[in-house]
């Protein structure tokens, strides 16, 4: 399991060019099932109106345990680099 760093993120060998993941925000789901990504995160990720994001889920013991948002134009390269090492750990 990855080690928890001093900043509260969990770091480990995630893949080429990706070295850390962390909890960025806690968001709520409204009555219509919608969620809002905080503006500072949208800005840092360069997410603009009209951008397409792929929602990738990870199952553990038959239930979804994690979701990942990936810009659709980066999906092909990122899925292999990002999820491969994590799936080995679970």
Protein backbone atom coordinates (compact mmCIF):
# COMPACT_ATOMS: atom_id res chain seq x y z
CA UNK A 1 0.00 0.00 0.00
CA UNK A 2 1.30 3.50 -0.78
CA UNK A 3 2.72 5.55 2.08
CA UNK A 4 0.89 8.58 3.42
CA UNK A 5 3.02 11.66 2.92
CA UNK A 6 3.31 14.63 5.27
CA UNK A 7 0.81 16.61 3.18
CA UNK A 8 -1.93 13.98 3.56
CA UNK A 9 -1.64 12.47 0.10
CA UNK A 10 -0.97 8.85 -0.68
CA UNK A 11 2.09 8.49 -2.85
CA UNK A 12 3.43 5.47 -4.60
CA UNK A 13 4.55 4.18 -7.97
CA UNK A 14 1.43 5.17 -9.93
CA UNK A 15 2.82 5.35 -13.44
CA UNK A 16 4.85 7.28 -15.94
CA UNK A 17 4.70 10.98 -15.05
CA UNK A 18 2.12 10.42 -12.30
CA UNK A 19 3.49 10.11 -8.81
CA UNK A 20 0.83 11.10 -6.30
CA UNK A 21 -2.87 11.16 -5.66
CA UNK A 22 -4.67 13.01 -2.88
CA UNK A 23 -8.08 14.05 -1.67
CA UNK A 24 -8.65 17.43 -3.32
CA UNK A 25 -12.18 18.11 -2.13
CA UNK A 26 -15.31 16.57 -0.66
CA UNK A 27 -18.30 17.20 -2.93
CA UNK A 28 -22.03 16.53 -2.53
CA UNK A 29 -24.55 14.97 -4.88
CA UNK A 30 -27.77 16.96 -5.26
CA UNK A 31 -31.32 15.62 -5.71
CA UNK A 32 -30.81 15.36 -9.48
CA UNK A 33 -27.58 13.36 -9.08
CA UNK A 34 -25.37 16.28 -10.10
CA UNK A 35 -22.01 17.22 -8.61
CA UNK A 36 -19.96 20.40 -8.98
CA UNK A 37 -16.20 20.33 -9.38
CA UNK A 38 -14.73 23.23 -7.39
CA UNK A 39 -13.58 26.15 -9.54
CA UNK A 40 -9.98 26.04 -8.32
CA UNK A 41 -9.73 22.38 -9.38
CA UNK A 42 -11.31 23.09 -12.77
CA UNK A 43 -8.80 25.89 -13.29
CA UNK A 44 -5.79 23.77 -12.24
CA UNK A 45 -6.95 20.92 -14.49
CA UNK A 46 -7.71 23.33 -17.35
CA UNK A 47 -11.31 22.04 -17.57
CA UNK A 48 -13.48 24.40 -19.59
CA UNK A 49 -17.20 24.43 -20.49
CA UNK A 50 -17.86 21.85 -23.19
CA UNK A 51 -14.86 19.67 -22.32
CA UNK A 52 -15.54 15.93 -22.34
CA UNK A 53 -14.43 13.86 -19.36
CA UNK A 54 -14.36 10.08 -19.13
CA UNK A 55 -15.70 8.68 -15.86
CA UNK A 56 -13.72 5.54 -15.06
CA UNK A 57 -14.79 3.28 -12.19
CA UNK A 58 -12.84 0.71 -10.23
CA UNK A 59 -14.61 -2.32 -8.74
CA UNK A 60 -13.59 -4.15 -5.62
CA UNK A 61 -15.51 -7.21 -4.43
CA UNK A 62 -18.30 -6.54 -6.93
CA UNK A 63 -18.92 -2.93 -5.86
CA UNK A 64 -17.63 0.34 -7.26
CA UNK A 65 -15.08 1.73 -4.83
CA UNK A 66 -13.45 4.54 -6.84
CA UNK A 67 -14.16 6.96 -9.66
CA UNK A 68 -11.59 8.77 -11.80
CA UNK A 69 -12.21 11.66 -14.18
CA UNK A 70 -9.91 11.80 -17.19
CA UNK A 71 -10.03 14.24 -20.09
CA UNK A 72 -11.35 12.23 -23.01
CA UNK A 73 -8.47 13.20 -25.31
CA UNK A 74 -6.03 11.69 -22.77
CA UNK A 75 -8.08 8.58 -22.03
CA UNK A 76 -6.14 6.07 -24.09
CA UNK A 77 -2.72 6.82 -22.67
CA UNK A 78 -3.90 7.57 -19.14
CA UNK A 79 -5.99 4.47 -18.46
CA UNK A 80 -3.03 2.17 -18.90
CA UNK A 81 -0.54 4.42 -17.07
CA UNK A 82 -2.89 5.50 -14.28
CA UNK A 83 -4.98 2.46 -13.41
CA UNK A 84 -2.63 -0.42 -14.19
CA UNK A 85 -0.42 -0.17 -11.09
CA UNK A 86 -3.39 0.60 -8.82
CA UNK A 87 -5.27 -2.49 -9.96
CA UNK A 88 -2.26 -4.64 -9.07
CA UNK A 89 -2.38 -3.35 -5.48
CA UNK A 90 -6.07 -4.13 -4.93
